[in-house]
Amino acid sequence: MAQEPDLKVLLKNSPKNWGKWGPDDEVGSLNYLTPEVVVKAAGSIKSGKVFTLQVKMANPEGDPVWPGRQGATRINVMDAGHYHAGKGPLFAGGAEYADDYMTLFLQGSTQYDALGHVWYDHQIWNGYDSKTTIGGLSKASILPIAEKGVVGRGILLDIARFRGKEVLDVAETFTHEDLMACAKAQGCEIQKRDILIVRTGWIAKFYKVSREEFYGNFVEPGLTHSDALVNWFADMEIPNLVTDTIANEVTVDPVSGVVLPLHNALMRNLGVTLTEIAWLDDLAADCAKDGQYTFLYAAAPLKVVAGTGAPVNPIVIK
């Protein structure tokens, strides 16, 4: 009988950054983004061009979400119809207004994961007990990340264009060595403490095909686990991995059969922050045009108390 995949076995030799920034740390490898790193990253601005990386929310075309989640729903609670019906509140001077609210999964749009979002063996990031997630994350929630903010040198790694494709195939994988080869082909180099922004074309595909096709054989393309990859992330002191996929890694590891091993090897163990469902096609087209693949990256998710994640609209300045 085949042995069931086990994260404890798969990651037994994986490095950990637990305790590196003290026993109370909740932002992990974002600690690498020091003021000196931010000042140096600002030097990447050449033209002042600005790109935003969030997908549209409550989009009539649909929101790309993990299977089982629902897209955001926006509902008007006040608009001109109320005034035409004689039910709108009256203000001195005659001002009228519209108002609405939205319900959503906190990870149902472009979003940052909290470091306590995924775990194994009863411990989350920095060794906190997984019981701290009950009823809301009292440790390693999205709030400390939101309060810190994320600013550094971003580098776009356009794997889809590097492989001559509009979008990577279902379950197509790549490694850190592929990322380095992609950077070299683009005429740039991944540096220590860079924020990695990886384009696969996957989220753009959501808007081009039927929902049946997009979700029918749902194994996303992405990075696949290896000890060498995890050690490379550790040695390079990567603070943040941003991708245009929903899971930020190939959904099921093709060798071990483990689901989402990098969420554990990178996020749980190293404290690497994961950013998912990013819109990268406009940025990628401009980078291909002007040849500039490095830039200032800035982001801050919403300050949701005890949240497992939160929506974000990252900004890139070239």
Protein backbone atom coordinates (compact mmCIF):
# COMPACT_ATOMS: atom_id res chain seq x y z
CA MET A 1 0.00 0.00 0.00
CA ALA A 2 1.37 3.43 -0.97
CA GLN A 3 2.28 5.67 1.92
CA GLU A 4 0.04 8.67 2.42
CA PRO A 5 1.80 11.98 1.72
CA ASP A 6 2.96 13.61 4.93
CA LEU A 7 4.20 17.19 5.33
CA LYS A 8 6.27 16.23 8.37
CA VAL A 9 8.18 13.75 6.24
CA LEU A 10 8.40 15.98 3.16
CA LEU A 11 9.66 19.01 5.11
CA LYS A 12 11.80 17.27 7.72
CA ASN A 13 14.94 18.94 6.37
CA SER A 14 13.38 22.33 5.58
CA PRO A 15 14.95 25.38 7.23
CA LYS A 16 12.93 27.48 9.69
CA ASN A 17 13.19 31.13 10.61
CA TRP A 18 11.30 30.62 13.86
CA GLY A 19 12.72 32.82 16.58
CA LYS A 20 14.98 34.72 14.17
CA TRP A 21 13.16 37.97 14.90
CA GLY A 22 12.17 37.08 18.44
CA PRO A 23 9.48 34.90 20.04
CA ASP A 24 6.68 37.40 19.35
CA ASP A 25 7.27 38.01 15.64
CA GLU A 26 4.23 37.93 13.36
CA VAL A 27 5.54 39.34 10.04
CA GLY A 28 8.37 36.90 9.31
CA SER A 29 10.55 37.58 6.29
CA LEU A 30 9.02 41.02 5.82
CA ASN A 31 11.59 41.97 8.46
CA TYR A 32 14.11 41.83 5.61
CA LEU A 33 12.48 44.96 4.15
CA THR A 34 14.49 47.40 6.26
CA PRO A 35 14.54 51.18 5.70
CA GLU A 36 17.82 50.74 3.83
CA VAL A 37 16.20 48.21 1.49
CA VAL A 38 13.29 50.59 0.87
CA VAL A 39 15.54 53.54 0.07
CA LYS A 40 17.56 51.43 -2.34
CA ALA A 41 14.34 50.13 -3.97
CA ALA A 42 13.22 53.70 -4.63
CA GLY A 43 16.20 53.97 -6.96
CA SER A 44 14.43 51.56 -9.31
CA ILE A 45 11.98 54.30 -10.30
CA LYS A 46 12.97 55.56 -13.75
CA SER A 47 9.89 56.90 -15.56
CA GLY A 48 7.21 57.31 -12.88
CA LYS A 49 4.82 54.90 -14.60
CA VAL A 50 2.31 53.42 -12.14
CA PHE A 51 0.55 50.04 -12.29
CA THR A 52 -2.00 48.59 -9.87
CA LEU A 53 -2.15 44.82 -9.48
CA GLN A 54 -5.58 44.03 -8.02
CA VAL A 55 -8.24 42.24 -10.01
CA LYS A 56 -11.66 43.88 -10.08
CA MET A 57 -13.92 43.01 -7.14
CA ALA A 58 -17.64 42.21 -7.39
CA ASN A 59 -17.07 42.07 -11.14
CA PRO A 60 -20.18 41.22 -13.22
CA GLU A 61 -17.85 38.98 -15.25
CA GLY A 62 -17.08 37.02 -12.08
CA ASP A 63 -14.27 37.00 -9.53
CA PRO A 64 -11.51 34.35 -9.74
CA VAL A 65 -11.59 32.49 -6.42
CA TRP A 66 -10.45 29.20 -4.95
CA PRO A 67 -13.01 26.43 -5.64
CA GLY A 68 -15.63 26.45 -2.89
CA ARG A 69 -15.36 30.19 -2.29
CA GLN A 70 -17.65 32.78 -3.82
CA GLY A 71 -16.82 36.09 -5.42
CA ALA A 72 -17.66 39.35 -3.70
CA THR A 73 -21.28 40.57 -3.72
CA ARG A 74 -21.95 44.31 -3.74
CA ILE A 75 -25.44 45.58 -2.87
CA ASN A 76 -26.83 49.10 -3.08
CA VAL A 77 -28.66 50.23 0.06
CA MET A 78 -29.22 53.83 -1.04
CA ASP A 79 -29.41 55.45 -4.49
CA ALA A 80 -31.53 57.75 -6.65
CA GLY A 81 -34.35 55.21 -6.64
CA HIS A 82 -35.00 55.98 -2.97
CA TYR A 83 -35.37 59.67 -3.74
CA HIS A 84 -37.64 59.03 -6.72
CA ALA A 85 -39.79 56.94 -4.39
CA GLY A 86 -39.80 59.70 -1.78
CA LYS A 87 -37.90 57.53 0.73
CA GLY A 88 -34.46 59.11 0.66
CA PRO A 89 -33.20 61.07 3.69
CA LEU A 90 -33.37 64.83 3.26
CA PHE A 91 -30.46 67.13 3.94
CA ALA A 92 -30.39 70.89 4.21
CA GLY A 93 -29.31 72.21 0.84
CA GLY A 94 -30.72 69.26 -1.12
CA ALA A 95 -27.74 66.87 -1.21
CA GLU A 96 -28.58 63.27 -2.05
CA TYR A 97 -26.29 60.22 -1.96
CA ALA A 98 -25.74 56.58 -2.84
CA ASP A 99 -24.44 53.92 -0.46
CA ASP A 100 -23.66 50.22 -0.66
CA TYR A 101 -22.03 47.31 1.16
CA MET A 102 -20.14 44.22 0.12
CA THR A 103 -19.81 40.66 1.39
CA LEU A 104 -16.71 38.73 0.47
CA PHE A 105 -14.20 36.08 1.39
CA LEU A 106 -11.16 37.92 2.70
CA GLN A 107 -9.12 35.79 0.33
CA GLY A 108 -11.60 36.17 -2.52
CA SER A 109 -9.67 38.83 -4.42
CA THR A 110 -6.05 39.87 -4.87
CA GLN A 111 -4.90 39.34 -1.31
CA TYR A 112 -2.17 38.76 1.24
CA ASP A 113 -2.15 35.60 3.33
CA ALA A 114 -1.59 35.95 7.04
CA LEU A 115 1.37 33.88 8.20
CA GLY A 116 -0.99 31.83 10.36
CA HIS A 117 -3.24 30.91 7.43
CA VAL A 118 -1.86 27.40 6.76
CA TRP A 119 0.03 24.95 8.98
CA TYR A 120 0.74 21.34 9.87
CA ASP A 121 1.69 19.45 13.02
CA HIS A 122 -0.35 21.77 15.26
CA GLN A 123 1.98 24.77 14.87
CA ILE A 124 1.75 27.88 12.73
CA TRP A 125 4.47 30.45 11.91
CA ASN A 126 7.09 31.03 14.60
CA GLY A 127 5.96 27.97 16.54
CA TYR A 128 2.67 29.41 17.79
CA ASP A 129 0.08 26.77 18.70
CA SER A 130 -2.52 26.23 15.99
CA LYS A 131 -5.18 26.67 18.67
CA THR A 132 -4.44 30.39 18.41
CA THR A 133 -6.45 30.32 15.16
CA ILE A 134 -9.70 29.28 16.85
CA GLY A 135 -12.36 31.93 16.40
CA GLY A 136 -9.88 34.20 14.64
CA LEU A 137 -6.10 34.44 14.52
CA SER A 138 -4.77 35.84 17.80
CA LYS A 139 -1.23 35.25 16.50
CA ALA A 140 0.24 35.80 13.02
CA SER A 141 -2.96 37.32 11.62
CA ILE A 142 -3.04 39.70 8.67
CA LEU A 143 -3.11 42.74 10.97
CA PRO A 144 0.64 42.95 11.76
CA ILE A 145 1.42 42.70 8.02
CA ALA A 146 -1.16 45.38 7.24
CA GLU A 147 0.26 47.67 9.91
CA LYS A 148 3.83 47.20 8.68
CA GLY A 149 3.17 47.54 4.97
CA VAL A 150 5.27 45.94 2.25
CA VAL A 151 7.72 48.10 0.29
CA GLY A 152 10.80 46.95 -1.58
CA ARG A 153 12.34 46.22 -4.94
CA GLY A 154 10.00 44.13 -7.03
CA ILE A 155 11.12 42.04 -9.97
CA LEU A 156 8.71 40.68 -12.56
CA LEU A 157 9.51 37.14 -13.71
CA ASP A 158 7.33 36.57 -16.76
CA ILE A 159 7.52 32.80 -16.95
CA ALA A 160 4.69 32.58 -19.48
CA ARG A 161 6.42 34.91 -21.95
CA PHE A 162 9.78 33.26 -21.20
CA ARG A 163 8.29 29.93 -22.31
CA GLY A 164 6.62 31.49 -25.35
CA LYS A 165 3.10 31.01 -24.03
CA GLU A 166 0.07 33.19 -23.34
CA VAL A 167 -0.67 31.07 -20.27
CA LEU A 168 1.05 28.10 -18.69
CA ASP A 169 -0.65 24.73 -18.95
CA VAL A 170 -2.69 23.04 -16.24
CA ALA A 171 -0.28 21.66 -13.62
CA GLU A 172 2.77 23.06 -15.44
CA THR A 173 5.64 23.53 -13.03
CA PHE A 174 8.79 25.60 -12.76
CA THR A 175 11.63 25.92 -10.25
CA HIS A 176 13.83 28.62 -8.74
CA GLU A 177 16.34 27.79 -11.45
CA ASP A 178 13.69 28.64 -14.04
CA LEU A 179 13.08 31.93 -12.25
CA MET A 180 16.78 32.78 -12.46
CA ALA A 181 16.92 31.77 -16.14
CA CYS A 182 13.86 33.90 -16.83
CA ALA A 183 15.47 36.91 -15.14
CA LYS A 184 18.65 36.43 -17.17
CA ALA A 185 16.66 36.27 -20.42
CA GLN A 186 14.94 39.50 -19.42
CA GLY A 187 18.29 41.19 -18.85
CA CYS A 188 18.02 41.47 -15.08
CA GLU A 189 19.03 39.52 -11.99
CA ILE A 190 17.21 38.44 -8.86
CA GLN A 191 18.87 40.09 -5.88
CA LYS A 192 18.72 39.32 -2.18
CA ARG A 193 15.52 40.56 -0.52
CA ASP A 194 13.73 41.12 -3.84
CA ILE A 195 9.95 40.80 -3.91
CA LEU A 196 9.29 38.14 -6.55
CA ILE A 197 6.37 38.78 -8.88
CA VAL A 198 5.72 35.75 -11.09
CA ARG A 199 3.42 35.82 -14.11
CA THR A 200 1.92 32.59 -15.46
CA GLY A 201 -1.05 34.09 -17.36
CA TRP A 202 -3.43 31.99 -15.25
CA ILE A 203 -5.68 34.70 -13.81
CA ALA A 204 -6.03 36.38 -17.20
CA LYS A 205 -7.25 33.02 -18.51
CA PHE A 206 -10.20 33.23 -16.09
CA TYR A 207 -11.65 36.10 -18.11
CA LYS A 208 -11.11 34.39 -21.48
CA VAL A 209 -12.61 30.91 -21.05
CA SER A 210 -15.77 29.38 -19.62
CA ARG A 211 -15.98 28.66 -15.91
CA GLU A 212 -16.28 24.96 -16.77
CA GLU A 213 -12.96 25.08 -18.59
CA PHE A 214 -11.19 27.15 -15.94
CA TYR A 215 -12.29 25.01 -13.00
CA GLY A 216 -12.83 21.70 -14.83
CA ASN A 217 -9.35 20.28 -14.28
CA PHE A 218 -8.22 22.59 -11.52
CA VAL A 219 -4.54 22.09 -10.91
CA GLU A 220 -2.86 25.45 -11.25
CA PRO A 221 0.60 25.94 -12.72
CA GLY A 222 3.29 27.14 -10.37
CA LEU A 223 6.44 26.54 -8.38
CA THR A 224 6.91 22.99 -7.17
CA HIS A 225 8.56 21.92 -3.95
CA SER A 226 12.15 20.80 -3.59
CA ASP A 227 14.68 21.15 -0.79
CA ALA A 228 16.86 23.16 -3.16
CA LEU A 229 14.07 25.63 -3.88
CA VAL A 230 13.27 26.16 -0.20
CA ASN A 231 16.96 26.63 0.65
CA TRP A 232 17.26 29.14 -2.20
CA PHE A 233 14.35 31.19 -0.79
CA ALA A 234 16.02 31.08 2.62
CA ASP A 235 19.47 32.05 1.30
CA MET A 236 18.06 34.85 -0.88
CA GLU A 237 16.03 36.17 2.06
CA ILE A 238 12.95 36.54 -0.13
CA PRO A 239 10.30 38.48 1.80
CA ASN A 240 7.26 38.16 -0.47
CA LEU A 241 6.10 35.96 -3.35
CA VAL A 242 3.41 37.45 -5.60
CA THR A 243 1.75 35.47 -8.41
CA ASP A 244 -1.20 35.59 -10.79
CA THR A 245 -2.52 32.29 -9.48
CA ILE A 246 -4.96 31.52 -6.69
CA ALA A 247 -2.65 29.23 -4.71
CA ASN A 248 0.81 30.65 -5.51
CA GLU A 249 2.17 27.18 -6.24
CA VAL A 250 1.25 24.12 -8.25
CA THR A 251 -1.86 22.97 -6.41
CA VAL A 252 -0.77 19.35 -5.90
CA ASP A 253 2.93 18.55 -5.77
CA PRO A 254 3.53 16.15 -8.68
CA VAL A 255 6.18 14.11 -6.85
CA SER A 256 4.96 13.82 -3.26
CA GLY A 257 1.21 14.25 -3.82
CA VAL A 258 1.13 16.80 -0.99
CA VAL A 259 -1.32 19.68 -1.41
CA LEU A 260 0.22 23.16 -1.02
CA PRO A 261 3.61 22.16 0.38
CA LEU A 262 5.14 25.60 -0.29
CA HIS A 263 2.53 27.31 1.85
CA ASN A 264 4.12 25.37 4.68
CA ALA A 265 7.77 25.30 3.62
CA LEU A 266 7.88 29.00 2.71
CA MET A 267 5.13 30.68 4.72
CA ARG A 268 4.85 28.56 7.87
CA ASN A 269 8.53 27.74 8.20
CA LEU A 270 10.39 30.70 6.65
CA GLY A 271 7.79 33.44 7.14
CA VAL A 272 7.65 34.31 3.43
CA THR A 273 4.47 36.30 2.81
CA LEU A 274 2.31 35.06 -0.07
CA THR A 275 0.26 37.32 -2.33
CA GLU A 276 -2.21 35.70 -4.68
CA ILE A 277 -4.57 36.48 -7.59
CA ALA A 278 -2.49 39.44 -8.80
CA TRP A 279 -3.29 41.09 -12.14
CA LEU A 280 0.03 41.14 -13.98
CA ASP A 281 -0.76 41.30 -17.70
CA ASP A 282 -0.63 45.10 -18.07
CA LEU A 283 2.61 45.34 -16.12
CA ALA A 284 4.12 42.45 -18.08
CA ALA A 285 3.24 44.01 -21.43
CA ASP A 286 4.92 47.26 -20.42
CA CYS A 287 8.01 45.48 -19.11
CA ALA A 288 8.33 43.59 -22.39
CA LYS A 289 8.04 46.89 -24.23
CA ASP A 290 10.56 48.97 -22.29
CA GLY A 291 12.80 46.17 -20.96
CA GLN A 292 12.55 47.33 -17.34
CA TYR A 293 11.56 44.41 -15.09
CA THR A 294 12.53 45.88 -11.71
CA PHE A 295 10.68 48.63 -9.88
CA LEU A 296 9.41 49.89 -6.55
CA TYR A 297 6.67 47.64 -5.17
CA ALA A 298 4.35 48.84 -2.40
CA ALA A 299 1.35 47.17 -0.80
CA ALA A 300 -0.68 47.13 2.39
CA PRO A 301 -3.59 44.72 2.90
CA LEU A 302 -6.66 45.90 4.80
CA LYS A 303 -6.26 46.03 8.58
CA VAL A 304 -8.61 43.17 9.43
CA VAL A 305 -8.34 42.21 13.10
CA ALA A 306 -7.73 38.44 13.53
CA GLY A 307 -8.05 37.89 9.75
CA THR A 308 -6.48 34.99 7.85
CA GLY A 309 -5.86 37.33 4.94
CA ALA A 310 -7.13 40.55 3.40
CA PRO A 311 -7.68 42.16 0.00
CA VAL A 312 -4.96 44.41 -1.38
CA ASN A 313 -4.32 46.62 -4.41
CA PRO A 314 -0.52 46.58 -4.80
CA ILE A 315 1.17 49.48 -6.58
CA VAL A 316 4.19 49.23 -8.86
CA ILE A 317 6.15 52.35 -9.79
CA LYS A 318 8.66 52.00 -12.64
